[in-house]
Protein backbone atom coordinates (compact mmCIF):
# COMPACT_ATOMS: atom_id res chain seq x y z
CA MET A 1 -71.97 -102.01 -12.87
CA GLU A 2 -69.32 -102.64 -10.30
CA ASP A 3 -66.62 -101.37 -12.65
CA LYS A 4 -68.60 -98.20 -13.30
CA ALA A 5 -68.92 -97.59 -9.56
CA HIS A 6 -65.21 -97.88 -9.05
CA ALA A 7 -64.56 -95.45 -11.90
CA ILE A 8 -67.00 -92.91 -10.46
CA VAL A 9 -65.33 -93.13 -7.05
CA ALA A 10 -61.86 -92.70 -8.56
CA VAL A 11 -62.92 -89.66 -10.61
CA THR A 12 -64.65 -88.14 -7.62
CA PHE A 13 -61.54 -88.65 -5.49
CA LEU A 14 -59.32 -87.02 -8.10
CA ILE A 15 -61.69 -84.06 -8.39
CA VAL A 16 -61.69 -83.58 -4.62
CA ILE A 17 -57.88 -83.83 -4.44
CA GLY A 18 -57.53 -81.32 -7.29
CA LEU A 19 -59.90 -78.85 -5.69
CA GLY A 20 -58.10 -79.23 -2.37
CA ALA A 21 -54.70 -78.58 -3.97
CA ALA A 22 -56.09 -75.57 -5.80
CA PHE A 23 -57.55 -74.21 -2.56
CA VAL A 24 -54.25 -74.70 -0.70
CA ALA A 25 -52.31 -72.98 -3.50
CA TRP A 26 -54.77 -70.08 -3.51
CA TRP A 27 -54.61 -69.78 0.26
CA MET A 28 -50.81 -69.79 0.31
CA GLN A 29 -50.64 -67.22 -2.47
CA ALA A 30 -53.15 -65.01 -0.70
CA GLY A 31 -51.10 -65.17 2.50
CA THR A 32 -47.82 -64.30 0.75
CA PRO A 33 -47.16 -60.52 0.56
CA GLN A 34 -46.73 -59.07 -2.90
CA VAL A 35 -43.23 -57.73 -3.64
CA LYS A 36 -41.61 -55.49 -6.25
CA VAL A 37 -38.19 -56.26 -7.67
CA TYR A 38 -35.60 -53.59 -8.55
CA ASP A 39 -31.97 -53.58 -9.61
CA ILE A 40 -29.24 -51.26 -8.34
CA VAL A 41 -26.03 -50.97 -10.38
CA SER A 42 -23.12 -49.70 -8.25
CA PRO A 43 -19.74 -48.56 -9.57
CA TYR A 44 -18.57 -48.26 -5.94
CA SER A 45 -17.38 -50.88 -3.49
CA VAL A 46 -20.17 -52.78 -1.70
CA ALA A 47 -17.98 -54.30 1.01
CA GLY A 48 -20.10 -55.60 3.92
CA LEU A 49 -23.27 -56.00 1.82
CA SER A 50 -24.68 -59.51 1.43
CA ALA A 51 -27.90 -61.26 0.46
CA ASP A 52 -30.78 -60.81 2.92
CA ALA A 53 -29.36 -57.45 4.03
CA PRO A 54 -32.19 -55.02 4.86
CA VAL A 55 -33.42 -52.27 2.56
CA GLN A 56 -34.70 -49.17 4.32
CA TYR A 57 -36.71 -46.22 3.06
CA LYS A 58 -35.93 -43.16 5.22
CA GLY A 59 -35.05 -45.50 8.10
CA VAL A 60 -38.03 -47.88 7.72
CA ASN A 61 -37.52 -51.49 6.60
CA VAL A 62 -39.28 -51.99 3.25
CA GLY A 63 -37.50 -55.05 1.83
CA SER A 64 -34.29 -56.99 1.56
CA VAL A 65 -31.41 -57.74 -0.79
CA GLN A 66 -31.95 -60.80 -2.97
CA SER A 67 -28.51 -61.08 -4.55
CA VAL A 68 -25.20 -59.26 -4.98
CA LYS A 69 -23.13 -60.14 -8.06
CA LEU A 70 -21.16 -58.70 -10.94
CA ASP A 71 -23.19 -56.99 -13.64
CA PRO A 72 -23.26 -59.33 -16.67
CA THR A 73 -23.36 -56.36 -19.05
CA ASN A 74 -20.38 -54.64 -17.36
CA PRO A 75 -18.25 -56.71 -14.96
CA ARG A 76 -16.75 -53.52 -13.51
CA ASP A 77 -20.10 -52.73 -11.86
CA ILE A 78 -21.95 -54.55 -9.08
CA LEU A 79 -25.54 -55.65 -9.69
CA ILE A 80 -27.69 -55.60 -6.53
CA ARG A 81 -31.19 -57.03 -6.81
CA ILE A 82 -33.65 -56.01 -4.11
CA SER A 83 -37.24 -56.94 -3.36
CA LEU A 84 -39.56 -54.40 -1.76
CA VAL A 85 -43.04 -54.52 -0.32
CA ALA A 86 -45.80 -53.56 -2.72
CA ASP A 87 -46.51 -50.24 -1.01
CA ALA A 88 -42.88 -49.05 -0.97
CA PRO A 89 -42.97 -45.50 -2.44
CA VAL A 90 -40.37 -45.92 -5.19
CA THR A 91 -40.49 -43.10 -7.77
CA HIS A 92 -38.28 -41.69 -10.51
CA ALA A 93 -36.74 -39.42 -7.83
CA THR A 94 -35.71 -42.32 -5.57
CA TYR A 95 -32.00 -43.04 -5.20
CA ALA A 96 -30.01 -45.57 -3.15
CA GLU A 97 -27.02 -45.27 -0.83
CA LEU A 98 -24.86 -47.89 0.84
CA SER A 99 -24.90 -47.34 4.60
CA SER A 100 -23.27 -49.10 7.54
CA GLN A 101 -25.04 -50.55 10.61
CA GLY A 102 -23.11 -48.97 13.48
CA ILE A 103 -20.30 -50.98 15.07
CA THR A 104 -21.24 -54.27 13.37
CA GLY A 105 -19.79 -53.14 10.07
CA MET A 106 -22.65 -54.77 8.14
CA SER A 107 -24.02 -52.73 5.25
CA TYR A 108 -27.56 -52.15 4.07
CA ILE A 109 -29.33 -50.26 1.28
CA ALA A 110 -30.87 -46.90 2.18
CA LEU A 111 -33.47 -45.41 -0.17
CA ASN A 112 -34.14 -41.66 -0.21
CA GLU A 113 -35.97 -39.11 -2.33
CA GLY A 114 -34.07 -36.60 -4.44
CA SER A 115 -35.10 -34.00 -6.98
CA GLY A 116 -37.05 -35.13 -10.00
CA ALA A 117 -40.43 -36.50 -10.97
CA ARG A 118 -42.37 -38.17 -8.15
CA THR A 119 -44.22 -40.54 -10.47
CA PRO A 120 -44.04 -44.25 -9.49
CA LEU A 121 -41.19 -46.26 -11.04
CA ALA A 122 -42.81 -49.24 -12.81
CA THR A 123 -41.03 -52.61 -12.60
CA SER A 124 -41.60 -56.33 -13.15
CA PRO A 125 -39.83 -59.56 -12.10
CA ALA A 126 -38.86 -60.23 -15.72
CA HIS A 127 -37.51 -56.72 -16.35
CA PRO A 128 -36.63 -55.03 -13.01
CA ALA A 129 -36.34 -51.25 -13.11
CA ARG A 130 -33.01 -49.75 -12.05
CA ILE A 131 -32.62 -47.37 -9.13
CA PRO A 132 -29.59 -45.03 -9.31
CA ILE A 133 -27.05 -45.14 -6.50
CA ARG A 134 -25.06 -42.32 -4.94
CA PRO A 135 -21.80 -42.61 -3.00
CA GLY A 136 -22.31 -43.28 0.69
CA LEU A 137 -20.25 -42.10 3.64
CA LEU A 138 -17.29 -44.40 3.06
CA PRO A 139 -16.79 -43.48 -0.63
CA LYS A 140 -17.11 -39.80 0.30
CA LEU A 141 -14.49 -40.22 3.04
CA GLU A 142 -12.27 -42.05 0.59
CA GLN A 143 -12.58 -39.28 -1.98
CA SER A 144 -11.97 -36.62 0.69
CA GLY A 145 -8.92 -38.53 1.94
CA LYS A 146 -7.49 -38.73 -1.56
CA ALA A 147 -8.08 -35.01 -2.11
CA LEU A 148 -6.42 -34.25 1.25
CA LEU A 149 -3.42 -36.42 0.38
CA ASN A 150 -3.10 -34.68 -2.99
CA GLN A 151 -3.18 -31.26 -1.34
CA THR A 152 -0.62 -32.37 1.27
CA ASP A 153 1.62 -33.65 -1.51
CA ARG A 154 1.38 -30.32 -3.37
CA VAL A 155 2.16 -28.38 -0.18
CA SER A 156 5.16 -30.63 0.50
CA ARG A 157 6.52 -30.05 -3.00
CA ARG A 158 6.06 -26.29 -2.66
CA LEU A 159 7.82 -26.30 0.71
CA ALA A 160 10.66 -28.28 -0.81
CA GLU A 161 10.92 -25.71 -3.61
CA LEU A 162 10.76 -22.87 -1.11
CA LEU A 163 13.48 -24.33 1.11
CA ASN A 164 16.01 -25.09 -1.61
CA GLY A 165 19.61 -23.99 -1.21
CA ARG A 166 19.22 -20.68 -3.05
CA ASN A 167 16.15 -19.60 -1.08
CA ARG A 168 17.71 -20.65 2.23
CA THR A 169 20.72 -18.43 1.48
CA HIS A 170 18.40 -15.56 0.54
CA VAL A 171 16.35 -15.94 3.75
CA ALA A 172 19.54 -16.06 5.84
CA ARG A 173 20.71 -12.84 4.17
CA ILE A 174 17.36 -11.16 4.89
CA LEU A 175 17.56 -12.18 8.55
CA ALA A 176 21.12 -10.83 8.78
CA ASN A 177 20.01 -7.51 7.26
CA LEU A 178 17.12 -7.30 9.71
CA ASP A 179 19.47 -7.96 12.60
CA GLY A 180 21.82 -5.21 11.39
CA ALA A 181 18.94 -2.77 10.99
CA THR A 182 17.75 -3.57 14.52
CA GLN A 183 21.20 -2.88 15.93
CA ARG A 184 21.37 0.45 14.09
CA LEU A 185 17.95 1.45 15.41
CA ILE A 186 19.06 0.64 18.94
CA ALA A 187 22.16 2.79 18.44
CA LEU A 188 20.05 5.66 17.09
CA GLU A 189 17.71 5.39 20.08
CA ASP A 190 20.66 5.52 22.45
CA ALA A 191 21.96 8.59 20.61
CA ALA A 192 18.55 10.27 20.79
CA LEU A 193 18.20 9.88 24.56
CA PRO A 194 20.72 12.70 25.38
CA ALA A 195 18.78 14.99 23.01
CA VAL A 196 15.58 14.18 24.85
CA ARG A 197 17.24 14.96 28.18
CA GLY A 198 18.55 18.22 26.69
CA LEU A 199 15.03 19.16 25.65
CA ALA A 200 13.87 18.62 29.20
CA GLN A 201 16.59 20.98 30.48
CA LEU A 202 15.64 23.50 27.78
CA THR A 203 12.03 23.33 28.92
CA ARG A 204 13.00 24.10 32.52
CA GLU A 205 15.16 27.03 31.47
CA THR A 206 12.43 28.40 29.21
CA ARG A 207 9.96 28.26 32.09
CA LYS A 208 12.44 30.15 34.29
CA MET A 209 12.78 32.81 31.61
CA THR A 210 8.98 33.08 31.38
CA ILE A 211 8.66 33.56 35.15
CA GLN A 212 11.42 36.17 35.14
CA ALA A 213 9.76 38.03 32.26
CA ARG A 214 6.46 38.07 34.14
CA HIS A 215 8.18 39.48 37.22
CA LEU A 216 9.85 42.12 35.06
CA LEU A 217 6.47 43.00 33.56
CA VAL A 218 4.98 43.45 37.02
CA GLU A 219 7.89 45.67 38.08
CA LEU A 220 7.61 47.77 34.92
CA GLN A 221 3.88 48.19 35.45
CA GLY A 222 4.59 49.38 39.01
CA ASP A 223 7.25 51.79 37.75
CA ALA A 224 4.82 53.12 35.16
CA ARG A 225 2.20 53.81 37.80
CA ALA A 226 4.87 55.53 39.98
CA LEU A 227 6.02 57.70 37.10
CA HIS A 228 2.43 58.62 36.29
CA ALA A 229 1.89 59.66 39.91
CA ALA A 230 5.15 61.71 39.91
CA GLY A 231 3.76 64.38 37.60
CA GLY A 232 3.21 65.54 34.13
CA ALA A 233 6.93 65.50 33.26
CA ALA A 234 6.97 61.75 33.35
CA THR A 235 3.64 61.34 31.55
CA GLY A 236 5.25 60.74 28.15
CA THR A 237 7.63 58.15 29.54
CA ALA A 238 4.82 56.37 31.39
CA ARG A 239 2.66 56.39 28.25
CA ALA A 240 5.54 54.90 26.24
CA LEU A 241 6.07 52.22 28.86
CA ARG A 242 2.35 51.43 29.10
CA TYR A 243 1.36 51.44 25.43
CA ASP A 244 4.59 50.40 23.74
CA THR A 245 7.08 48.64 25.96
CA LEU A 246 4.69 46.75 28.23
CA PRO A 247 2.55 45.21 25.39
CA ARG A 248 5.73 43.97 23.70
CA ILE A 249 7.00 42.43 26.92
CA ASP A 250 3.55 40.89 27.50
CA ALA A 251 3.56 39.40 23.97
CA LEU A 252 7.10 38.09 24.53
CA THR A 253 5.98 36.52 27.79
CA GLY A 254 3.03 34.81 26.09
CA THR A 255 5.30 33.54 23.31
CA LEU A 256 7.79 32.17 25.83
CA ASP A 257 4.95 30.53 27.77
CA ARG A 258 3.55 28.83 24.65
CA THR A 259 7.03 27.76 23.61
CA ALA A 260 7.62 26.28 27.06
CA ASN A 261 4.35 24.33 26.85
CA ARG A 262 5.18 22.99 23.42
CA VAL A 263 8.70 22.00 24.44
CA ASP A 264 7.27 20.35 27.55
CA ALA A 265 4.74 18.37 25.48
CA LEU A 266 7.47 17.37 23.01
CA THR A 267 9.67 16.24 25.88
CA ARG A 268 6.92 14.05 27.36
CA GLU A 269 6.18 12.52 23.95
CA LEU A 270 9.84 11.72 23.30
CA GLN A 271 10.26 10.29 26.80
CA ALA A 272 7.26 8.01 26.20
CA ASP A 273 8.37 7.05 22.67
CA PRO A 274 11.99 7.92 21.80
CA GLY A 275 11.51 6.34 18.38
CA ALA A 276 9.21 9.21 17.45
CA LEU A 277 12.34 11.35 16.98
CA LEU A 278 13.28 9.05 14.09
CA PHE A 279 9.95 7.84 12.68
CA GLY A 280 7.60 10.64 13.68
CA GLY A 281 4.75 10.69 16.16
CA ARG A 282 1.67 8.47 16.06
CA ALA A 283 -1.45 9.64 14.27
CA PRO A 284 -4.01 11.24 16.62
CA ARG A 285 -7.08 9.26 17.55
CA PRO A 286 -10.15 10.00 15.39
CA GLY A 287 -12.62 12.39 16.95
CA PRO A 288 -16.45 12.23 17.00
CA GLY A 289 -17.82 11.97 13.48
CA GLU A 290 -14.49 10.85 11.99
CA PRO A 291 -13.98 7.36 10.50
CA GLY A 292 -12.73 4.89 13.10
CA PHE A 293 -14.05 6.80 16.12
CA HIS A 294 -15.23 4.63 19.05
CA ALA A 295 -16.87 6.14 22.11
CA PRO A 296 -15.27 5.21 25.45
CA ALA A 297 -16.84 2.16 27.06
CA GLY A 298 -17.74 4.10 30.21
CA ARG A 299 -19.82 6.64 28.20
CA ALA A 300 -21.66 4.17 25.95
CA ARG A 301 -25.46 4.21 26.31
């Protein structure tokens, strides 16, 4: 009987210990958060990324990096295994980027949503699903720097081709021709200045002739009135002076006056721009309703 009692006590003790171990295991498993495991295969450099680095979804921590190693199926790629909380919203549209943590230089994984199906991406610890990765800031800067260097190299080669000996001689010849043409234009301007001054003198003389013709017209009109008052004998002469000679003199006076105005305007234009004698005057400004017309600022409403 005593042996049976000892056996019962031993079995009871083992049962209690087993139940206690089972309860502790259940309690520890219940207190451990459930995680999801994913793999990220990167063909880019992952410098600064290490195990236990954070994984963020739109700036919120949702997990950490478990390991960083070469991909066994392709040693040229980097295999990054991450573990995420169970409620992390990973879908078929989720992609990863390698980002840097400010001035520390440490890297972390940033998850974002792109275009595509928003259905959840199923995974398991035995067969982790793969999340695609896109180049981060550093790879983009590296690619942009390479493209800039290539463009600079092409520009340098084109400049070297442009500035070869033959082209330098050609450019020097063009500059010499331009210098000669400039000197000839200066000489032509100097030669045109006396003509401009002569036009000014011609304008003054034309105006004098106009004034003298007007005075002569006034005197002839007075003589005509005197002859008309003298009597019928002078009526024919007065009529001829009034209806024939005087209108012609008046027309001549008007012509001389218009000519003087035009010569005066031409003189002012040539004095303001002597080159107009060689290249012609500037085009007049467009008027209202014409293309290119702009109202003066003072009259704008």
